[in-house]
């Protein structure tokens, strides 16, 4: 009976620590498990990539905010009562037709 329980527990532990799972043992008894140094390096790499992901997300958010403001600015420019204004899509600015200077409608 004890042998059967020991076999079941070994099988259960082996099944829960597969290639796709994040199973870390420090005592070095698990086959295929990460060593303490590998675990530290993995955590360090995760932290570094998390910082990079945060920077990328912040940049994407800034770009979205620029585009969002440009849509509002274009609506204000096109709806302006000043007949000398026009929207420049390349620069995303409302300009004066006569001078080419930026206008805030």
C-alpha atoms as a PDB file:
ATOM      1  CA  UNK A   1       0.000   0.000   0.000  1.00  0.00           C
ATOM      2  CA  UNK A   2       2.825   2.401   0.851  1.00  0.00           C
ATOM      3  CA  UNK A   3       4.604   1.589  -2.399  1.00  0.00           C
ATOM      4  CA  UNK A   4       1.413   2.337  -4.318  1.00  0.00           C
ATOM      5  CA  UNK A   5       1.003   5.702  -2.538  1.00  0.00           C
ATOM      6  CA  UNK A   6       4.674   6.574  -3.154  1.00  0.00           C
ATOM      7  CA  UNK A   7       4.349   5.746  -6.844  1.00  0.00           C
ATOM      8  CA  UNK A   8       1.189   7.853  -7.148  1.00  0.00           C
ATOM      9  CA  UNK A   9       2.810  10.845  -5.423  1.00  0.00           C
ATOM     10  CA  UNK A  10       5.906  10.684  -7.639  1.00  0.00           C
ATOM     11  CA  UNK A  11       3.709  10.500 -10.732  1.00  0.00           C
ATOM     12  CA  UNK A  12       1.560  13.400  -9.520  1.00  0.00           C
ATOM     13  CA  UNK A  13       4.584  15.590  -8.810  1.00  0.00           C
ATOM     14  CA  UNK A  14       6.148  14.782 -12.164  1.00  0.00           C
ATOM     15  CA  UNK A  15       2.899  15.574 -13.963  1.00  0.00           C
ATOM     16  CA  UNK A  16       2.522  18.963 -12.273  1.00  0.00           C
ATOM     17  CA  UNK A  17       6.069  20.072 -13.148  1.00  0.00           C
ATOM     18  CA  UNK A  18       5.960  19.971 -16.939  1.00  0.00           C
ATOM     19  CA  UNK A  19       7.806  21.954 -19.599  1.00  0.00           C
ATOM     20  CA  UNK A  20       5.046  24.573 -19.847  1.00  0.00           C
ATOM     21  CA  UNK A  21       4.596  25.087 -16.105  1.00  0.00           C
ATOM     22  CA  UNK A  22       6.680  27.314 -13.853  1.00  0.00           C
ATOM     23  CA  UNK A  23       7.986  24.784 -11.361  1.00  0.00           C
ATOM     24  CA  UNK A  24      11.097  25.737  -9.381  1.00  0.00           C
ATOM     25  CA  UNK A  25      12.833  23.618  -6.765  1.00  0.00           C
ATOM     26  CA  UNK A  26      15.782  24.894  -4.799  1.00  0.00           C
ATOM     27  CA  UNK A  27      16.901  21.651  -3.173  1.00  0.00           C
ATOM     28  CA  UNK A  28      18.017  20.220  -6.534  1.00  0.00           C
ATOM     29  CA  UNK A  29      15.991  17.009  -6.251  1.00  0.00           C
ATOM     30  CA  UNK A  30      13.552  17.744  -9.075  1.00  0.00           C
ATOM     31  CA  UNK A  31      14.557  16.562 -12.514  1.00  0.00           C
ATOM     32  CA  UNK A  32      14.283  19.355 -15.054  1.00  0.00           C
ATOM     33  CA  UNK A  33      13.673  21.920 -12.348  1.00  0.00           C
ATOM     34  CA  UNK A  34      15.536  25.233 -12.272  1.00  0.00           C
ATOM     35  CA  UNK A  35      18.497  25.764 -10.022  1.00  0.00           C
ATOM     36  CA  UNK A  36      18.561  28.724  -7.652  1.00  0.00           C
ATOM     37  CA  UNK A  37      20.839  30.648 -10.031  1.00  0.00           C
ATOM     38  CA  UNK A  38      18.633  29.931 -13.046  1.00  0.00           C
ATOM     39  CA  UNK A  39      15.596  31.029 -11.048  1.00  0.00           C
ATOM     40  CA  UNK A  40      17.343  34.271 -10.071  1.00  0.00           C
ATOM     41  CA  UNK A  41      18.352  34.950 -13.664  1.00  0.00           C
ATOM     42  CA  UNK A  42      14.856  34.198 -14.888  1.00  0.00           C
ATOM     43  CA  UNK A  43      13.364  36.599 -12.343  1.00  0.00           C
ATOM     44  CA  UNK A  44      15.908  39.275 -13.266  1.00  0.00           C
ATOM     45  CA  UNK A  45      15.134  38.887 -16.959  1.00  0.00           C
ATOM     46  CA  UNK A  46      11.395  39.070 -16.240  1.00  0.00           C
ATOM     47  CA  UNK A  47      11.898  42.294 -14.281  1.00  0.00           C
ATOM     48  CA  UNK A  48      13.955  43.829 -17.095  1.00  0.00           C
ATOM     49  CA  UNK A  49      11.443  42.894 -19.768  1.00  0.00           C
ATOM     50  CA  UNK A  50       8.646  44.185 -17.558  1.00  0.00           C
ATOM     51  CA  UNK A  51      10.379  47.576 -17.472  1.00  0.00           C
ATOM     52  CA  UNK A  52      10.749  47.536 -21.259  1.00  0.00           C
ATOM     53  CA  UNK A  53       7.101  46.544 -21.720  1.00  0.00           C
ATOM     54  CA  UNK A  54       6.097  49.427 -19.477  1.00  0.00           C
ATOM     55  CA  UNK A  55       8.136  51.868 -21.599  1.00  0.00           C
ATOM     56  CA  UNK A  56       6.599  50.537 -24.818  1.00  0.00           C
ATOM     57  CA  UNK A  57       3.096  50.806 -23.368  1.00  0.00           C
ATOM     58  CA  UNK A  58       3.768  54.366 -22.176  1.00  0.00           C
ATOM     59  CA  UNK A  59       5.013  55.369 -25.622  1.00  0.00           C
ATOM     60  CA  UNK A  60       2.001  53.765 -27.312  1.00  0.00           C
ATOM     61  CA  UNK A  61      -0.290  55.606 -24.901  1.00  0.00           C
ATOM     62  CA  UNK A  62       1.396  58.930 -25.737  1.00  0.00           C
ATOM     63  CA  UNK A  63       1.000  58.273 -29.469  1.00  0.00           C
ATOM     64  CA  UNK A  64      -2.654  57.422 -28.956  1.00  0.00           C
ATOM     65  CA  UNK A  65      -3.175  60.622 -26.970  1.00  0.00           C
ATOM     66  CA  UNK A  66      -1.573  62.656 -29.783  1.00  0.00           C
ATOM     67  CA  UNK A  67      -3.854  61.080 -32.381  1.00  0.00           C
ATOM     68  CA  UNK A  68      -6.872  61.561 -30.122  1.00  0.00           C
ATOM     69  CA  UNK A  69      -6.079  65.256 -29.608  1.00  0.00           C
ATOM     70  CA  UNK A  70      -5.494  65.667 -33.348  1.00  0.00           C
ATOM     71  CA  UNK A  71      -9.010  64.405 -34.084  1.00  0.00           C
ATOM     72  CA  UNK A  72     -10.474  66.978 -31.688  1.00  0.00           C
ATOM     73  CA  UNK A  73      -8.249  69.737 -33.096  1.00  0.00           C
ATOM     74  CA  UNK A  74      -9.276  68.839 -36.655  1.00  0.00           C
ATOM     75  CA  UNK A  75     -12.952  69.030 -35.715  1.00  0.00           C
ATOM     76  CA  UNK A  76     -12.429  72.460 -34.124  1.00  0.00           C
ATOM     77  CA  UNK A  77     -10.410  73.682 -37.113  1.00  0.00           C
ATOM     78  CA  UNK A  78     -12.943  72.504 -39.679  1.00  0.00           C
ATOM     79  CA  UNK A  79     -15.801  73.929 -37.624  1.00  0.00           C
ATOM     80  CA  UNK A  80     -14.114  77.297 -37.138  1.00  0.00           C
ATOM     81  CA  UNK A  81     -15.920  80.456 -38.274  1.00  0.00           C
ATOM     82  CA  UNK A  82     -12.625  81.806 -39.556  1.00  0.00           C
ATOM     83  CA  UNK A  83     -12.658  81.160 -43.331  1.00  0.00           C
ATOM     84  CA  UNK A  84      -8.856  81.396 -43.564  1.00  0.00           C
ATOM     85  CA  UNK A  85      -8.228  78.248 -41.524  1.00  0.00           C
ATOM     86  CA  UNK A  86      -7.442  74.832 -42.918  1.00  0.00           C
ATOM     87  CA  UNK A  87      -6.369  71.520 -41.441  1.00  0.00           C
ATOM     88  CA  UNK A  88      -2.925  70.232 -42.401  1.00  0.00           C
ATOM     89  CA  UNK A  89      -3.091  66.418 -42.006  1.00  0.00           C
ATOM     90  CA  UNK A  90       0.676  65.829 -42.285  1.00  0.00           C
ATOM     91  CA  UNK A  91       1.552  68.093 -39.362  1.00  0.00           C
ATOM     92  CA  UNK A  92      -1.835  67.733 -37.622  1.00  0.00           C
ATOM     93  CA  UNK A  93      -2.140  71.496 -37.253  1.00  0.00           C
ATOM     94  CA  UNK A  94      -4.749  74.110 -37.981  1.00  0.00           C
ATOM     95  CA  UNK A  95      -3.117  76.740 -40.194  1.00  0.00           C
ATOM     96  CA  UNK A  96      -3.960  80.150 -41.606  1.00  0.00           C
ATOM     97  CA  UNK A  97      -4.291  80.092 -45.418  1.00  0.00           C
ATOM     98  CA  UNK A  98      -2.684  83.516 -45.847  1.00  0.00           C
ATOM     99  CA  UNK A  99       0.309  83.271 -43.520  1.00  0.00           C
ATOM    100  CA  UNK A 100       0.731  79.542 -42.954  1.00  0.00           C
ATOM    101  CA  UNK A 101       1.033  80.128 -39.215  1.00  0.00           C
ATOM    102  CA  UNK A 102      -0.643  77.912 -36.683  1.00  0.00           C
ATOM    103  CA  UNK A 103      -4.074  79.016 -35.443  1.00  0.00           C
ATOM    104  CA  UNK A 104      -5.889  77.927 -32.316  1.00  0.00           C
ATOM    105  CA  UNK A 105      -9.565  78.043 -33.352  1.00  0.00           C
END
